[in-house]
Structures are given as structure tokens and as C-alpha cells.
């Protein structure tokens, strides 16, 4: 995904190229996510609902962190501040 990022932001090509690359990237990601879902649906050793929850939990965590936590935490989140020092 990092290799095609310049195309998605428009640096490496035209708008049509960027749209095409983004669409192909999206289809590939969905195809890769479909593989464990198909295996879980056909194999009795795997729980389909657990596979679904596991696949989408990571994506949900990324969206929550990006859209919720960053907006509420402010611009100085995670930065080290100069405070009183011991010694």
C-alpha cells in the first residue's frame, strides 16, 4: 500500500490514474479479506462470526483512532513536554 500512495494522492500521475490505482488497491484488499472469510465459512473448525469480528476489529480501531481520538486529544497528543525535572 505504501508503494502506491503517491498515485493515490496524485503525485505520481493524473487524476484518472490515481482513481484507477485506488480502486484496484481497494479490490485487492477486499479480495485478501475474502480469503479467510471463505475458509471460515467452508471449514467447521473456524467460527465465521469470529473471523468477521477479527477482520473488522483492526479496521474499526484505525478509524476510531483517526477520527475520534485525534480530534478529542488535541494537537499535543503524545508529545513530550518540558516539565519540572528532578535532580
C-alpha atoms as a PDB file:
ATOM      1  CA  UNK A   1       0.000   0.000   0.000  1.00  0.00           C
ATOM      2  CA  UNK A   2       2.869   2.384   0.699  1.00  0.00           C
ATOM      3  CA  UNK A   3       4.217   1.905  -2.818  1.00  0.00           C
ATOM      4  CA  UNK A   4       1.008   3.108  -4.462  1.00  0.00           C
ATOM      5  CA  UNK A   5       0.404   6.003  -2.069  1.00  0.00           C
ATOM      6  CA  UNK A   6       1.985   8.600  -4.415  1.00  0.00           C
ATOM      7  CA  UNK A   7      -0.500   7.581  -7.109  1.00  0.00           C
ATOM      8  CA  UNK A   8      -3.408   7.854  -4.711  1.00  0.00           C
ATOM      9  CA  UNK A   9      -2.517  11.389  -3.648  1.00  0.00           C
ATOM     10  CA  UNK A  10      -1.906  12.458  -7.221  1.00  0.00           C
ATOM     11  CA  UNK A  11       1.860  13.000  -7.078  1.00  0.00           C
ATOM     12  CA  UNK A  12       2.786  10.178  -9.433  1.00  0.00           C
ATOM     13  CA  UNK A  13       0.092  10.505 -12.057  1.00  0.00           C
ATOM     14  CA  UNK A  14      -3.086  12.078 -13.303  1.00  0.00           C
ATOM     15  CA  UNK A  15      -6.457  12.000 -11.586  1.00  0.00           C
ATOM     16  CA  UNK A  16      -7.715   9.062 -13.683  1.00  0.00           C
ATOM     17  CA  UNK A  17      -4.579   7.093 -12.874  1.00  0.00           C
ATOM     18  CA  UNK A  18      -4.902   7.866  -9.168  1.00  0.00           C
ATOM     19  CA  UNK A  19      -8.563   6.824  -9.185  1.00  0.00           C
ATOM     20  CA  UNK A  20      -7.772   3.592 -11.012  1.00  0.00           C
ATOM     21  CA  UNK A  21      -4.923   2.695  -8.673  1.00  0.00           C
ATOM     22  CA  UNK A  22      -7.071   3.446  -5.619  1.00  0.00           C
ATOM     23  CA  UNK A  23      -9.880   1.260  -6.987  1.00  0.00           C
ATOM     24  CA  UNK A  24      -7.544  -1.631  -7.777  1.00  0.00           C
ATOM     25  CA  UNK A  25      -5.991  -1.318  -4.313  1.00  0.00           C
ATOM     26  CA  UNK A  26      -9.454  -1.422  -2.747  1.00  0.00           C
ATOM     27  CA  UNK A  27     -10.442  -4.521  -4.746  1.00  0.00           C
ATOM     28  CA  UNK A  28      -7.199  -6.299  -3.820  1.00  0.00           C
ATOM     29  CA  UNK A  29      -7.723  -5.531  -0.111  1.00  0.00           C
ATOM     30  CA  UNK A  30     -11.286  -6.845  -0.272  1.00  0.00           C
ATOM     31  CA  UNK A  31     -10.091  -9.943  -2.110  1.00  0.00           C
ATOM     32  CA  UNK A  32      -7.457 -10.623   0.528  1.00  0.00           C
ATOM     33  CA  UNK A  33     -10.057 -10.208   3.268  1.00  0.00           C
ATOM     34  CA  UNK A  34     -12.398 -12.604   1.466  1.00  0.00           C
ATOM     35  CA  UNK A  35      -9.930 -15.487   1.668  1.00  0.00           C
ATOM     36  CA  UNK A  36     -10.199 -16.050   5.449  1.00  0.00           C
ATOM     37  CA  UNK A  37     -13.956 -15.475   5.294  1.00  0.00           C
ATOM     38  CA  UNK A  38     -14.388 -18.170   2.644  1.00  0.00           C
ATOM     39  CA  UNK A  39     -12.179 -20.565   4.601  1.00  0.00           C
ATOM     40  CA  UNK A  40     -14.136 -19.879   7.810  1.00  0.00           C
ATOM     41  CA  UNK A  41     -17.459 -20.370   6.013  1.00  0.00           C
ATOM     42  CA  UNK A  42     -16.470 -23.722   4.489  1.00  0.00           C
ATOM     43  CA  UNK A  43     -14.468 -25.195   7.362  1.00  0.00           C
ATOM     44  CA  UNK A  44     -16.188 -26.316  10.558  1.00  0.00           C
ATOM     45  CA  UNK A  45     -13.003 -25.785  12.582  1.00  0.00           C
ATOM     46  CA  UNK A  46     -13.350 -21.996  12.213  1.00  0.00           C
ATOM     47  CA  UNK A  47     -16.109 -19.790  13.523  1.00  0.00           C
ATOM     48  CA  UNK A  48     -17.363 -17.493  10.748  1.00  0.00           C
ATOM     49  CA  UNK A  49     -18.533 -14.771  13.139  1.00  0.00           C
ATOM     50  CA  UNK A  50     -15.202 -14.749  14.961  1.00  0.00           C
ATOM     51  CA  UNK A  51     -13.379 -14.401  11.632  1.00  0.00           C
ATOM     52  CA  UNK A  52     -15.625 -11.490  10.649  1.00  0.00           C
ATOM     53  CA  UNK A  53     -15.127  -9.788  14.004  1.00  0.00           C
ATOM     54  CA  UNK A  54     -11.368 -10.310  13.869  1.00  0.00           C
ATOM     55  CA  UNK A  55     -11.013  -8.880  10.374  1.00  0.00           C
ATOM     56  CA  UNK A  56     -13.038  -5.783  11.006  1.00  0.00           C
ATOM     57  CA  UNK A  57     -11.830  -5.027  14.545  1.00  0.00           C
ATOM     58  CA  UNK A  58      -8.462  -3.804  13.299  1.00  0.00           C
ATOM     59  CA  UNK A  59     -10.051  -1.549  10.689  1.00  0.00           C
ATOM     60  CA  UNK A  60     -12.553  -0.194  13.213  1.00  0.00           C
ATOM     61  CA  UNK A  61      -9.721   0.561  15.657  1.00  0.00           C
ATOM     62  CA  UNK A  62      -7.818   2.510  12.996  1.00  0.00           C
ATOM     63  CA  UNK A  63     -10.897   4.570  12.112  1.00  0.00           C
ATOM     64  CA  UNK A  64     -11.745   5.261  15.754  1.00  0.00           C
ATOM     65  CA  UNK A  65      -8.178   6.328  16.479  1.00  0.00           C
ATOM     66  CA  UNK A  66      -8.047   8.582  13.444  1.00  0.00           C
ATOM     67  CA  UNK A  67     -11.456  10.207  13.587  1.00  0.00           C
ATOM     68  CA  UNK A  68     -12.294  10.195  17.312  1.00  0.00           C
ATOM     69  CA  UNK A  69      -9.163  10.087  19.435  1.00  0.00           C
ATOM     70  CA  UNK A  70      -7.150  12.575  17.388  1.00  0.00           C
ATOM     71  CA  UNK A  71      -9.946  15.136  17.364  1.00  0.00           C
ATOM     72  CA  UNK A  72     -10.537  14.979  21.115  1.00  0.00           C
ATOM     73  CA  UNK A  73      -6.916  14.700  22.187  1.00  0.00           C
ATOM     74  CA  UNK A  74      -5.757  17.932  20.566  1.00  0.00           C
ATOM     75  CA  UNK A  75      -2.574  18.783  18.686  1.00  0.00           C
ATOM     76  CA  UNK A  76      -0.140  17.971  21.540  1.00  0.00           C
ATOM     77  CA  UNK A  77      -1.192  14.358  21.999  1.00  0.00           C
ATOM     78  CA  UNK A  78       1.785  12.127  22.630  1.00  0.00           C
ATOM     79  CA  UNK A  79       4.359  14.907  22.625  1.00  0.00           C
ATOM     80  CA  UNK A  80       6.845  15.187  25.460  1.00  0.00           C
ATOM     81  CA  UNK A  81       6.544  18.449  27.316  1.00  0.00           C
ATOM     82  CA  UNK A  82       9.251  20.158  29.337  1.00  0.00           C
ATOM     83  CA  UNK A  83       8.193  19.875  32.931  1.00  0.00           C
ATOM     84  CA  UNK A  84       9.984  20.204  36.220  1.00  0.00           C
ATOM     85  CA  UNK A  85      12.985  17.957  36.289  1.00  0.00           C
ATOM     86  CA  UNK A  86      14.243  16.155  39.348  1.00  0.00           C
ATOM     87  CA  UNK A  87      17.813  16.461  40.369  1.00  0.00           C
END
